[in-house]
Amino acid sequence: MSIADIRTDYQRDQLTETDVAADPFAQFSRWFDQALTAGVPEVNAMTLSTVSAEGKPSGRIVLIKDYDQRGFSWFTNYDSAKGQDLASNPFASLLFFWIPLERQVRIEGRVEKLSDAENDTYFFSRPVGSQQGAHASHQSQPIANREALEQQLVDVVAKFGDQPPRPAHWGGYRLIPERIEFWQGRPSRLHDRIVYEKQTDGSWSIQRLQP
């Protein structure tokens, strides 16, 4: 079989204008909870796409850690490649793809850093090994080999033990959505797409898009 012949005809569900909640956060919560109940692997994994100062896009998988009416949050190293992108261009997109449910959610908007208090709360809730790893890894920077990385961790443990402070370069971001699209796979590639867009008065419009 050639790559061009690989395809799935989606037939699991449908999405209509009368199905969706008036508020996109309520709709996201509904779908997220359904994905959890269905046992979707890595349900909290999302593709984060950023754009550099030179206009070059880049995407990677990160884990959502919270969402509410303010937006969608994750944590990382501020000095990483994505952190540098967001420092120069504070707009990004998120993509969830829940394959067993044949669903996608696309979220676009402006990104802001979380507060020190929010960063501390989450950092100190992490396993100690993850706290130590935040110090040991100079994310996105070259390194000679695996042994050198492991030695950096040894050095961190020797310095801080099992009570490392939160590094100043480590923290969270929140994407404040301007556009959220819910996609449900349908037969013959005639997928359902319902998009919410933030209006100037703070309300959300709801519209169907062609697949």
Foldseek 3Di string as FASTA:
>chain_A
DDPVPDDDFAAQDADDPVRADQDVVVRVVVVLVVLVVVVQPLSQWKWKWFAALVGRIDIDIFGWDDQDLQFTKGKDFCQAPRNNRCVNPQKIKIWGQRPVQQKMKIFIAGKDFDDPVQFQVVLVVDQLLVNLLRQLDPHNDDDDDPVSSVVSSVVSCVVQPSDDHRDPRIGMMGGGTQKMWMWHRHGPRQIWIWMWGQDPVRGIDIDTDTD
